[in-house]
């Protein structure tokens, strides 16, 4: 764990460091990263994401499952 200071609020919060770089694998794919960014903005269903990216819904489910792991 390490502390991160939010310069705007002045509050410190604890963040756990990634101990295993393999956990980042889901973010190395372009589509996985796009899905991650969209979900960081606001919650969305896999169906909505599939429509937004014009891809098959199953691909979205695959990448979401990879991000969960």
Protein backbone atom coordinates (compact mmCIF):
# COMPACT_ATOMS: atom_id res chain seq x y z
CA UNK A 1 0.00 0.00 0.00
CA UNK A 2 1.08 3.55 -0.62
CA UNK A 3 -0.55 6.90 -0.05
CA UNK A 4 -1.66 9.26 -2.79
CA UNK A 5 -2.39 12.91 -2.07
CA UNK A 6 -5.19 14.62 -3.98
CA UNK A 7 -3.80 18.11 -4.51
CA UNK A 8 -7.23 19.69 -4.98
CA UNK A 9 -8.84 18.41 -1.81
CA UNK A 10 -5.65 17.82 0.18
CA UNK A 11 -6.92 14.39 1.19
CA UNK A 12 -4.68 11.35 1.24
CA UNK A 13 -5.97 7.95 0.22
CA UNK A 14 -4.40 4.53 0.25
CA UNK A 15 -3.88 2.71 -3.01
CA UNK A 16 -2.76 -0.88 -3.29
CA UNK A 17 0.15 -1.40 -5.63
CA UNK A 18 -0.13 -4.02 -8.32
CA UNK A 19 2.08 -6.86 -7.27
CA UNK A 20 1.54 -8.89 -10.42
CA UNK A 21 1.99 -7.14 -13.80
CA UNK A 22 0.00 -9.93 -15.49
CA UNK A 23 -3.09 -8.28 -14.01
CA UNK A 24 -2.61 -5.47 -16.52
CA UNK A 25 -2.96 -7.85 -19.47
CA UNK A 26 -6.66 -7.01 -19.90
CA UNK A 27 -5.75 -3.36 -20.42
CA UNK A 28 -3.15 -4.05 -23.10
CA UNK A 29 -5.74 -4.88 -25.73
CA UNK A 30 -7.10 -1.84 -27.53
CA UNK A 31 -10.72 -2.91 -27.13
CA UNK A 32 -10.21 -3.84 -23.47
CA UNK A 33 -8.77 -0.37 -22.82
CA UNK A 34 -11.68 1.35 -24.64
CA UNK A 35 -14.21 -0.63 -22.60
CA UNK A 36 -12.37 0.21 -19.40
CA UNK A 37 -12.39 3.93 -20.27
CA UNK A 38 -16.11 3.90 -21.08
CA UNK A 39 -16.96 2.12 -17.84
CA UNK A 40 -14.80 4.56 -15.89
CA UNK A 41 -16.96 7.41 -17.22
CA UNK A 42 -20.31 5.83 -16.40
CA UNK A 43 -21.86 2.39 -15.89
CA UNK A 44 -23.01 0.71 -19.08
CA UNK A 45 -24.37 -2.68 -20.03
CA UNK A 46 -22.46 -4.95 -22.42
CA UNK A 47 -25.28 -4.50 -24.92
CA UNK A 48 -24.91 -0.72 -24.82
CA UNK A 49 -21.14 -0.96 -25.19
CA UNK A 50 -21.48 -3.35 -28.13
CA UNK A 51 -23.81 -0.93 -29.89
CA UNK A 52 -21.54 2.02 -29.12
CA UNK A 53 -18.46 0.25 -30.55
CA UNK A 54 -20.42 -1.54 -33.30
CA UNK A 55 -19.08 -4.94 -32.32
CA UNK A 56 -20.59 -8.26 -31.29
CA UNK A 57 -21.84 -8.33 -27.71
CA UNK A 58 -19.84 -11.50 -26.96
CA UNK A 59 -16.57 -9.59 -27.51
CA UNK A 60 -17.63 -7.07 -24.88
CA UNK A 61 -18.46 -9.85 -22.41
CA UNK A 62 -15.05 -11.43 -23.03
CA UNK A 63 -13.17 -8.22 -22.31
CA UNK A 64 -15.29 -7.38 -19.26
CA UNK A 65 -14.56 -10.83 -17.84
CA UNK A 66 -10.84 -10.25 -18.45
CA UNK A 67 -11.06 -6.92 -16.64
CA UNK A 68 -12.86 -8.56 -13.70
CA UNK A 69 -10.07 -11.09 -13.29
